[in-house]
Amino acid sequence: MTEFYENLIHFLQKELPAVEKAINQEQSLSEQIRLQRTRAMMKELLDHALFYNKGKGTT
């Protein structure tokens, strides 16, 4: 199961900057909100994966 969390952590850390960039470039307010929600869910998932993989969270 540790390999799963390591892969998940790697994926989320790789993709979060792209979501941040998309939020900053998006003109549509509704799309910005959707992307912000996606970013929040990704950060929460990353925190949980770090917690279960290493026994500690990011917060």
N, C-alpha and C. Protein backbone atom coordinates (compact mmCIF):
# COMPACT_ATOMS: atom_id res chain seq x y z
N MET A 1 0.82 -1.20 0.00
CA MET A 1 0.00 0.00 0.00
C MET A 1 0.86 1.26 0.00
N THR A 2 2.06 1.16 0.54
CA THR A 2 2.95 2.32 0.58
C THR A 2 3.27 2.81 -0.82
N GLU A 3 3.46 1.89 -1.77
CA GLU A 3 3.75 2.29 -3.14
C GLU A 3 2.60 3.10 -3.73
N PHE A 4 1.37 2.71 -3.40
CA PHE A 4 0.20 3.46 -3.86
C PHE A 4 0.27 4.90 -3.38
N TYR A 5 0.53 5.09 -2.09
CA TYR A 5 0.59 6.44 -1.54
C TYR A 5 1.76 7.23 -2.12
N GLU A 6 2.88 6.58 -2.32
CA GLU A 6 4.03 7.27 -2.92
C GLU A 6 3.70 7.74 -4.33
N ASN A 7 3.03 6.90 -5.11
CA ASN A 7 2.62 7.28 -6.47
C ASN A 7 1.59 8.41 -6.43
N LEU A 8 0.66 8.33 -5.51
CA LEU A 8 -0.36 9.37 -5.37
C LEU A 8 0.28 10.70 -4.98
N ILE A 9 1.20 10.67 -4.03
CA ILE A 9 1.90 11.88 -3.60
C ILE A 9 2.66 12.49 -4.77
N HIS A 10 3.38 11.66 -5.49
CA HIS A 10 4.16 12.14 -6.64
C HIS A 10 3.24 12.80 -7.67
N PHE A 11 2.13 12.14 -7.99
CA PHE A 11 1.18 12.67 -8.97
C PHE A 11 0.61 14.02 -8.52
N LEU A 12 0.16 14.09 -7.29
CA LEU A 12 -0.46 15.33 -6.80
C LEU A 12 0.55 16.47 -6.73
N GLN A 13 1.76 16.18 -6.28
CA GLN A 13 2.78 17.22 -6.21
C GLN A 13 3.16 17.71 -7.61
N LYS A 14 3.09 16.82 -8.58
CA LYS A 14 3.40 17.19 -9.96
C LYS A 14 2.28 18.03 -10.58
N GLU A 15 1.02 17.69 -10.28
CA GLU A 15 -0.12 18.33 -10.94
C GLU A 15 -0.64 19.59 -10.24
N LEU A 16 -0.39 19.74 -8.96
CA LEU A 16 -0.90 20.93 -8.25
C LEU A 16 -0.41 22.25 -8.86
N PRO A 17 0.86 22.38 -9.24
CA PRO A 17 1.29 23.64 -9.87
C PRO A 17 0.53 23.95 -11.16
N ALA A 18 0.17 22.94 -11.92
CA ALA A 18 -0.59 23.15 -13.16
C ALA A 18 -1.98 23.68 -12.85
N VAL A 19 -2.59 23.19 -11.78
CA VAL A 19 -3.91 23.69 -11.38
C VAL A 19 -3.80 25.13 -10.91
N GLU A 20 -2.76 25.44 -10.15
CA GLU A 20 -2.52 26.82 -9.70
C GLU A 20 -2.38 27.76 -10.90
N LYS A 21 -1.62 27.34 -11.88
CA LYS A 21 -1.40 28.15 -13.07
C LYS A 21 -2.71 28.35 -13.83
N ALA A 22 -3.50 27.29 -13.95
CA ALA A 22 -4.78 27.38 -14.65
C ALA A 22 -5.73 28.34 -13.94
N ILE A 23 -5.73 28.33 -12.61
CA ILE A 23 -6.57 29.26 -11.86
C ILE A 23 -6.19 30.70 -12.18
N ASN A 24 -4.90 30.98 -12.20
CA ASN A 24 -4.42 32.34 -12.45
C ASN A 24 -4.69 32.80 -13.88
N GLN A 25 -4.74 31.88 -14.82
CA GLN A 25 -4.94 32.25 -16.22
C GLN A 25 -6.40 32.27 -16.64
N GLU A 26 -7.26 31.65 -15.87
CA GLU A 26 -8.67 31.51 -16.25
C GLU A 26 -9.40 32.85 -16.15
N GLN A 27 -10.19 33.16 -17.17
CA GLN A 27 -10.96 34.40 -17.20
C GLN A 27 -12.35 34.24 -16.59
N SER A 28 -12.93 33.07 -16.74
CA SER A 28 -14.29 32.81 -16.27
C SER A 28 -14.30 32.60 -14.75
N LEU A 29 -15.13 33.36 -14.06
CA LEU A 29 -15.22 33.24 -12.61
C LEU A 29 -15.71 31.85 -12.20
N SER A 30 -16.70 31.33 -12.92
CA SER A 30 -17.22 30.00 -12.56
C SER A 30 -16.15 28.92 -12.75
N GLU A 31 -15.34 29.06 -13.78
CA GLU A 31 -14.25 28.10 -14.01
C GLU A 31 -13.16 28.26 -12.94
N GLN A 32 -12.88 29.49 -12.53
CA GLN A 32 -11.91 29.71 -11.45
C GLN A 32 -12.37 29.03 -10.17
N ILE A 33 -13.65 29.16 -9.87
CA ILE A 33 -14.21 28.54 -8.66
C ILE A 33 -14.09 27.02 -8.75
N ARG A 34 -14.42 26.46 -9.91
CA ARG A 34 -14.31 25.01 -10.10
C ARG A 34 -12.87 24.54 -9.90
N LEU A 35 -11.93 25.29 -10.47
CA LEU A 35 -10.52 24.94 -10.33
C LEU A 35 -10.04 25.10 -8.88
N GLN A 36 -10.53 26.11 -8.19
CA GLN A 36 -10.16 26.30 -6.78
C GLN A 36 -10.66 25.14 -5.93
N ARG A 37 -11.85 24.66 -6.24
CA ARG A 37 -12.39 23.50 -5.51
C ARG A 37 -11.56 22.25 -5.81
N THR A 38 -11.18 22.11 -7.07
CA THR A 38 -10.32 20.98 -7.45
C THR A 38 -9.00 21.04 -6.70
N ARG A 39 -8.41 22.24 -6.64
CA ARG A 39 -7.14 22.43 -5.93
C ARG A 39 -7.30 22.08 -4.45
N ALA A 40 -8.37 22.52 -3.84
CA ALA A 40 -8.60 22.23 -2.42
C ALA A 40 -8.73 20.73 -2.17
N MET A 41 -9.44 20.04 -3.06
CA MET A 41 -9.58 18.58 -2.91
C MET A 41 -8.24 17.88 -3.10
N MET A 42 -7.46 18.35 -4.07
CA MET A 42 -6.15 17.75 -4.31
C MET A 42 -5.23 17.96 -3.11
N LYS A 43 -5.27 19.15 -2.52
CA LYS A 43 -4.43 19.41 -1.34
C LYS A 43 -4.85 18.55 -0.16
N GLU A 44 -6.15 18.38 0.01
CA GLU A 44 -6.63 17.54 1.11
C GLU A 44 -6.23 16.08 0.89
N LEU A 45 -6.36 15.62 -0.33
CA LEU A 45 -5.95 14.26 -0.66
C LEU A 45 -4.45 14.08 -0.45
N LEU A 46 -3.66 15.07 -0.84
CA LEU A 46 -2.22 15.02 -0.63
C LEU A 46 -1.90 14.94 0.86
N ASP A 47 -2.58 15.73 1.66
CA ASP A 47 -2.36 15.70 3.11
C ASP A 47 -2.65 14.32 3.68
N HIS A 48 -3.75 13.73 3.26
CA HIS A 48 -4.10 12.39 3.75
C HIS A 48 -3.08 11.35 3.29
N ALA A 49 -2.65 11.45 2.05
CA ALA A 49 -1.66 10.50 1.54
C ALA A 49 -0.35 10.62 2.30
N LEU A 50 0.08 11.85 2.58
CA LEU A 50 1.31 12.04 3.35
C LEU A 50 1.16 11.47 4.76
N PHE A 51 -0.01 11.68 5.35
CA PHE A 51 -0.26 11.18 6.69
C PHE A 51 -0.17 9.65 6.73
N TYR A 52 -0.84 9.00 5.81
CA TYR A 52 -0.85 7.54 5.81
C TYR A 52 0.47 6.94 5.36
N ASN A 53 1.18 7.64 4.49
CA ASN A 53 2.45 7.11 3.98
C ASN A 53 3.58 7.28 4.99
N LYS A 54 3.60 8.40 5.69
CA LYS A 54 4.73 8.70 6.57
C LYS A 54 4.34 8.88 8.03
N GLY A 55 3.05 8.81 8.31
CA GLY A 55 2.61 8.95 9.69
C GLY A 55 2.49 10.38 10.14
N LYS A 56 2.53 11.33 9.21
CA LYS A 56 2.34 12.73 9.58
C LYS A 56 1.75 13.48 8.41
N GLY A 57 0.94 14.48 8.71
CA GLY A 57 0.31 15.30 7.68
C GLY A 57 1.09 16.56 7.43
N THR A 58 0.59 17.39 6.52
CA THR A 58 1.27 18.64 6.19
C THR A 58 0.79 19.79 7.05
N THR A 59 -0.30 19.58 7.80
CA THR A 59 -0.83 20.69 8.61
C THR A 59 -0.51 20.48 10.07
